[in-house]
Amino acid sequence: MGDWKRAIAAFHEIGFSLDRDEFESKLIGQKTVCLLQIKGVDFRYPFDLYIRGPYSPEFTGDYYAHSQEFRDLETAVSLSSEEIETVKFLDELFQKSPSLLEIGATYALLVSQMGKSPVEALRIVKQEKGFYRDTQIAKGVSKVKEFLFEPAQKDLEWLKDEVGPMQKASIRSLRY
């Protein structure tokens, strides 16, 4: 049994009112809970891969059973300050975009729970989400990587050395 009150608390933090009668609202809700859970905010919902990405029948049952609370964002439960920061970071990155959340959550579930390599996960996302443009897929995968995978200091230094000369050349070319 999942913790629907904590899900409402997360939605409250980002001002997202889940409407069980709107497809996009349900998609945003499912993918948001899935990504937050993968990042460590525990809602205790099992997710599996379906046609439109990660989906939890148990979470669906809860938001149908408590649709008024989800719509009105009513709960006495609070999240920790760290969890609130995580919820807001997710919202800042994805801005409740159904397509980016679907792409990102699909990629994340493939890597984190299904043991796929990043390359294999990307191939599967491109195959299964072929109705999205390649640029959307790249953006969704990039955002979920930024959300889930924090680079080590060594990685950041390598990146600075790798792209620094290109950035400087680009800035110089803009001046002319």
C-alpha atoms as a PDB file:
ATOM      1  CA  MET A   1       0.000   0.000   0.000  1.00  0.00           C
ATOM      2  CA  GLY A   2       1.429   3.348  -1.055  1.00  0.00           C
ATOM      3  CA  ASP A   3       1.512   6.571   0.887  1.00  0.00           C
ATOM      4  CA  TRP A   4      -0.936   8.782  -0.992  1.00  0.00           C
ATOM      5  CA  LYS A   5      -0.812  11.480   1.694  1.00  0.00           C
ATOM      6  CA  ARG A   6       2.908  11.988   1.063  1.00  0.00           C
ATOM      7  CA  ALA A   7       2.193  12.157  -2.691  1.00  0.00           C
ATOM      8  CA  ILE A   8      -0.294  14.952  -2.024  1.00  0.00           C
ATOM      9  CA  ALA A   9       2.293  16.718   0.140  1.00  0.00           C
ATOM     10  CA  ALA A  10       4.765  16.562  -2.767  1.00  0.00           C
ATOM     11  CA  PHE A  11       2.183  17.892  -5.211  1.00  0.00           C
ATOM     12  CA  HIS A  12       1.304  20.667  -2.754  1.00  0.00           C
ATOM     13  CA  GLU A  13       4.937  21.837  -2.794  1.00  0.00           C
ATOM     14  CA  ILE A  14       4.801  22.397  -6.560  1.00  0.00           C
ATOM     15  CA  GLY A  15       1.194  23.536  -6.783  1.00  0.00           C
ATOM     16  CA  PHE A  16       0.088  20.532  -8.833  1.00  0.00           C
ATOM     17  CA  SER A  17      -3.536  19.533  -8.412  1.00  0.00           C
ATOM     18  CA  LEU A  18      -4.035  16.018  -9.811  1.00  0.00           C
ATOM     19  CA  ASP A  19      -7.328  15.656 -11.695  1.00  0.00           C
ATOM     20  CA  ARG A  20      -8.241  12.015 -12.265  1.00  0.00           C
ATOM     21  CA  ASP A  21     -10.434  12.984 -15.220  1.00  0.00           C
ATOM     22  CA  GLU A  22      -7.620  14.584 -17.256  1.00  0.00           C
ATOM     23  CA  PHE A  23      -5.150  12.292 -19.034  1.00  0.00           C
ATOM     24  CA  GLU A  24      -2.215  14.729 -18.924  1.00  0.00           C
ATOM     25  CA  SER A  25      -2.777  15.378 -15.232  1.00  0.00           C
ATOM     26  CA  LYS A  26      -2.646  11.659 -14.477  1.00  0.00           C
ATOM     27  CA  LEU A  27       0.466  11.256 -16.623  1.00  0.00           C
ATOM     28  CA  ILE A  28       2.227  14.120 -14.825  1.00  0.00           C
ATOM     29  CA  GLY A  29       1.231  12.658 -11.455  1.00  0.00           C
ATOM     30  CA  GLN A  30       2.421   9.135 -12.254  1.00  0.00           C
ATOM     31  CA  LYS A  31       5.764  10.193 -13.699  1.00  0.00           C
ATOM     32  CA  THR A  32       6.408  12.742 -10.940  1.00  0.00           C
ATOM     33  CA  VAL A  33       5.841  10.174  -8.186  1.00  0.00           C
ATOM     34  CA  CYS A  34       7.953   7.606 -10.049  1.00  0.00           C
ATOM     35  CA  LEU A  35      10.921   9.973 -10.503  1.00  0.00           C
ATOM     36  CA  LEU A  36      10.751  11.250  -6.940  1.00  0.00           C
ATOM     37  CA  GLN A  37      10.644   7.701  -5.657  1.00  0.00           C
ATOM     38  CA  ILE A  38      13.657   6.703  -7.763  1.00  0.00           C
ATOM     39  CA  LYS A  39      15.484   9.731  -6.296  1.00  0.00           C
ATOM     40  CA  GLY A  40      14.678   8.531  -2.765  1.00  0.00           C
ATOM     41  CA  VAL A  41      11.396  10.158  -1.731  1.00  0.00           C
ATOM     42  CA  ASP A  42       9.587   7.045  -0.530  1.00  0.00           C
ATOM     43  CA  PHE A  43       5.932   6.741  -1.481  1.00  0.00           C
ATOM     44  CA  ARG A  44       5.988   2.909  -1.426  1.00  0.00           C
ATOM     45  CA  TYR A  45       4.408   2.526  -4.879  1.00  0.00           C
ATOM     46  CA  PRO A  46       5.555  -0.207  -7.253  1.00  0.00           C
ATOM     47  CA  PHE A  47       6.068   0.963 -10.841  1.00  0.00           C
ATOM     48  CA  ASP A  48       6.266  -1.107 -14.007  1.00  0.00           C
ATOM     49  CA  LEU A  49       6.776  -0.071 -17.608  1.00  0.00           C
ATOM     50  CA  TYR A  50       3.603   0.385 -19.658  1.00  0.00           C
ATOM     51  CA  ILE A  51       2.906   1.963 -23.063  1.00  0.00           C
ATOM     52  CA  ARG A  52       3.175   5.547 -21.775  1.00  0.00           C
ATOM     53  CA  GLY A  53       6.075   4.862 -19.438  1.00  0.00           C
ATOM     54  CA  PRO A  54       6.207   4.010 -15.731  1.00  0.00           C
ATOM     55  CA  TYR A  55       2.805   3.339 -14.222  1.00  0.00           C
ATOM     56  CA  SER A  56       1.566   2.206 -10.813  1.00  0.00           C
ATOM     57  CA  PRO A  57      -1.927   0.683 -10.642  1.00  0.00           C
ATOM     58  CA  GLU A  58      -1.759   1.101  -6.851  1.00  0.00           C
ATOM     59  CA  PHE A  59      -1.130   4.842  -7.169  1.00  0.00           C
ATOM     60  CA  THR A  60      -4.001   5.061  -9.664  1.00  0.00           C
ATOM     61  CA  GLY A  61      -6.291   3.334  -7.169  1.00  0.00           C
ATOM     62  CA  ASP A  62      -5.286   5.813  -4.480  1.00  0.00           C
ATOM     63  CA  TYR A  63      -5.864   8.944  -6.542  1.00  0.00           C
ATOM     64  CA  TYR A  64      -9.244   7.632  -7.668  1.00  0.00           C
ATOM     65  CA  ALA A  65     -10.212   6.724  -4.088  1.00  0.00           C
ATOM     66  CA  HIS A  66      -8.995  10.106  -2.782  1.00  0.00           C
ATOM     67  CA  SER A  67      -9.633  12.292  -5.818  1.00  0.00           C
ATOM     68  CA  GLN A  68     -10.999  15.217  -3.797  1.00  0.00           C
ATOM     69  CA  GLU A  69      -7.881  15.348  -1.607  1.00  0.00           C
ATOM     70  CA  PHE A  70      -5.610  15.163  -4.676  1.00  0.00           C
ATOM     71  CA  ARG A  71      -7.584  17.901  -6.416  1.00  0.00           C
ATOM     72  CA  ASP A  72      -7.645  20.172  -3.345  1.00  0.00           C
ATOM     73  CA  LEU A  73      -4.127  19.226  -2.163  1.00  0.00           C
ATOM     74  CA  GLU A  74      -5.483  18.364   1.278  1.00  0.00           C
ATOM     75  CA  THR A  75      -3.168  16.477   3.630  1.00  0.00           C
ATOM     76  CA  ALA A  76      -1.807  16.893   7.127  1.00  0.00           C
ATOM     77  CA  VAL A  77       1.451  15.185   6.122  1.00  0.00           C
ATOM     78  CA  SER A  78       4.617  17.211   5.565  1.00  0.00           C
ATOM     79  CA  LEU A  79       7.799  16.346   3.722  1.00  0.00           C
ATOM     80  CA  SER A  80      11.289  16.875   5.113  1.00  0.00           C
ATOM     81  CA  SER A  81      13.227  19.928   3.930  1.00  0.00           C
ATOM     82  CA  GLU A  82      15.478  17.648   1.851  1.00  0.00           C
ATOM     83  CA  GLU A  83      12.445  16.029   0.208  1.00  0.00           C
ATOM     84  CA  ILE A  84      10.918  19.446  -0.511  1.00  0.00           C
ATOM     85  CA  GLU A  85      14.186  20.499  -2.164  1.00  0.00           C
ATOM     86  CA  THR A  86      14.112  17.342  -4.315  1.00  0.00           C
ATOM     87  CA  VAL A  87      10.471  17.921  -5.314  1.00  0.00           C
ATOM     88  CA  LYS A  88      11.154  21.536  -6.277  1.00  0.00           C
ATOM     89  CA  PHE A  89      14.286  20.589  -8.222  1.00  0.00           C
ATOM     90  CA  LEU A  90      12.272  18.052 -10.247  1.00  0.00           C
ATOM     91  CA  ASP A  91       9.602  20.656 -10.964  1.00  0.00           C
ATOM     92  CA  GLU A  92      12.214  23.255 -11.924  1.00  0.00           C
ATOM     93  CA  LEU A  93      13.775  20.853 -14.430  1.00  0.00           C
ATOM     94  CA  PHE A  94      10.646  19.347 -15.970  1.00  0.00           C
ATOM     95  CA  GLN A  95       8.122  22.170 -15.415  1.00  0.00           C
ATOM     96  CA  LYS A  96       5.285  19.628 -15.405  1.00  0.00           C
ATOM     97  CA  SER A  97       5.873  18.832 -19.096  1.00  0.00           C
ATOM     98  CA  PRO A  98       4.018  15.564 -19.811  1.00  0.00           C
ATOM     99  CA  SER A  99       6.316  14.596 -22.693  1.00  0.00           C
ATOM    100  CA  LEU A 100       9.579  15.309 -20.859  1.00  0.00           C
ATOM    101  CA  LEU A 101       8.344  13.545 -17.718  1.00  0.00           C
ATOM    102  CA  GLU A 102       7.262  10.504 -19.754  1.00  0.00           C
ATOM    103  CA  ILE A 103      10.591  10.287 -21.560  1.00  0.00           C
ATOM    104  CA  GLY A 104      12.663  10.946 -18.443  1.00  0.00           C
ATOM    105  CA  ALA A 105      10.745   8.557 -16.207  1.00  0.00           C
ATOM    106  CA  THR A 106      10.892   5.796 -18.828  1.00  0.00           C
ATOM    107  CA  TYR A 107      14.661   6.179 -19.152  1.00  0.00           C
ATOM    108  CA  ALA A 108      15.096   6.327 -15.366  1.00  0.00           C
ATOM    109  CA  LEU A 109      13.029   3.197 -14.740  1.00  0.00           C
ATOM    110  CA  LEU A 110      14.932   1.280 -17.418  1.00  0.00           C
ATOM    111  CA  VAL A 111      18.295   2.174 -15.869  1.00  0.00           C
ATOM    112  CA  SER A 112      17.498   2.148 -12.150  1.00  0.00           C
ATOM    113  CA  GLN A 113      15.037  -0.722 -11.803  1.00  0.00           C
ATOM    114  CA  MET A 114      15.424  -2.822 -14.926  1.00  0.00           C
ATOM    115  CA  GLY A 115      19.222  -2.837 -15.003  1.00  0.00           C
ATOM    116  CA  LYS A 116      19.622  -1.495 -18.541  1.00  0.00           C
ATOM    117  CA  SER A 117      22.792   0.323 -19.497  1.00  0.00           C
ATOM    118  CA  PRO A 118      22.389   4.006 -20.389  1.00  0.00           C
ATOM    119  CA  VAL A 119      22.986   3.189 -24.073  1.00  0.00           C
ATOM    120  CA  GLU A 120      20.432   0.352 -24.070  1.00  0.00           C
ATOM    121  CA  ALA A 121      17.913   2.486 -22.154  1.00  0.00           C
ATOM    122  CA  LEU A 122      18.251   5.286 -24.698  1.00  0.00           C
ATOM    123  CA  ARG A 123      17.755   2.835 -27.559  1.00  0.00           C
ATOM    124  CA  ILE A 124      14.591   1.473 -25.922  1.00  0.00           C
ATOM    125  CA  VAL A 125      13.254   4.970 -25.243  1.00  0.00           C
ATOM    126  CA  LYS A 126      13.818   5.970 -28.884  1.00  0.00           C
ATOM    127  CA  GLN A 127      12.111   2.788 -30.050  1.00  0.00           C
ATOM    128  CA  GLU A 128       9.144   2.976 -27.664  1.00  0.00           C
ATOM    129  CA  LYS A 129       8.733   6.755 -27.787  1.00  0.00           C
ATOM    130  CA  GLY A 130       9.214   7.139 -31.551  1.00  0.00           C
ATOM    131  CA  PHE A 131       6.207   9.466 -31.652  1.00  0.00           C
ATOM    132  CA  TYR A 132       8.390  12.098 -29.933  1.00  0.00           C
ATOM    133  CA  ARG A 133      11.007  14.077 -31.851  1.00  0.00           C
ATOM    134  CA  ASP A 134      14.652  13.164 -31.249  1.00  0.00           C
ATOM    135  CA  THR A 135      15.201  16.603 -29.712  1.00  0.00           C
ATOM    136  CA  GLN A 136      12.445  15.952 -27.152  1.00  0.00           C
ATOM    137  CA  ILE A 137      13.947  12.578 -26.293  1.00  0.00           C
ATOM    138  CA  ALA A 138      17.401  14.099 -25.887  1.00  0.00           C
ATOM    139  CA  LYS A 139      16.009  16.858 -23.684  1.00  0.00           C
ATOM    140  CA  GLY A 140      13.996  14.455 -21.490  1.00  0.00           C
ATOM    141  CA  VAL A 141      16.954  12.108 -21.014  1.00  0.00           C
ATOM    142  CA  SER A 142      19.289  15.014 -20.302  1.00  0.00           C
ATOM    143  CA  LYS A 143      16.938  16.426 -17.667  1.00  0.00           C
ATOM    144  CA  VAL A 144      16.475  13.091 -15.909  1.00  0.00           C
ATOM    145  CA  LYS A 145      20.219  12.550 -15.833  1.00  0.00           C
ATOM    146  CA  GLU A 146      20.644  15.976 -14.275  1.00  0.00           C
ATOM    147  CA  PHE A 147      17.930  15.118 -11.730  1.00  0.00           C
ATOM    148  CA  LEU A 148      19.113  11.633 -10.783  1.00  0.00           C
ATOM    149  CA  PHE A 149      22.820  11.399 -11.403  1.00  0.00           C
ATOM    150  CA  GLU A 150      24.954  13.946  -9.594  1.00  0.00           C
ATOM    151  CA  PRO A 151      28.396  14.242 -11.179  1.00  0.00           C
ATOM    152  CA  ALA A 152      31.506  13.781  -9.070  1.00  0.00           C
ATOM    153  CA  GLN A 153      33.962  16.672  -8.770  1.00  0.00           C
ATOM    154  CA  LYS A 154      36.336  14.746 -11.059  1.00  0.00           C
ATOM    155  CA  ASP A 155      33.606  14.603 -13.734  1.00  0.00           C
ATOM    156  CA  LEU A 156      32.971  18.336 -13.460  1.00  0.00           C
ATOM    157  CA  GLU A 157      36.675  19.127 -13.859  1.00  0.00           C
ATOM    158  CA  TRP A 158      36.927  16.855 -16.907  1.00  0.00           C
ATOM    159  CA  LEU A 159      33.860  18.508 -18.434  1.00  0.00           C
ATOM    160  CA  LYS A 160      35.284  21.984 -17.864  1.00  0.00           C
ATOM    161  CA  ASP A 161      38.549  20.979 -19.557  1.00  0.00           C
ATOM    162  CA  GLU A 162      36.710  19.225 -22.387  1.00  0.00           C
ATOM    163  CA  VAL A 163      34.198  21.925 -23.348  1.00  0.00           C
ATOM    164  CA  GLY A 164      36.039  25.016 -22.106  1.00  0.00           C
ATOM    165  CA  PRO A 165      37.944  25.656 -25.353  1.00  0.00           C
ATOM    166  CA  MET A 166      34.764  25.197 -27.417  1.00  0.00           C
ATOM    167  CA  GLN A 167      32.854  27.627 -25.203  1.00  0.00           C
ATOM    168  CA  LYS A 168      35.610  30.249 -25.512  1.00  0.00           C
ATOM    169  CA  ALA A 169      35.697  29.859 -29.296  1.00  0.00           C
ATOM    170  CA  SER A 170      31.928  30.148 -29.449  1.00  0.00           C
ATOM    171  CA  ILE A 171      31.931  33.342 -27.406  1.00  0.00           C
ATOM    172  CA  ARG A 172      34.692  34.823 -29.617  1.00  0.00           C
ATOM    173  CA  SER A 173      32.715  33.977 -32.756  1.00  0.00           C
ATOM    174  CA  LEU A 174      29.661  35.775 -31.380  1.00  0.00           C
ATOM    175  CA  ARG A 175      31.651  38.972 -31.062  1.00  0.00           C
ATOM    176  CA  TYR A 176      32.279  39.165 -34.800  1.00  0.00           C
END
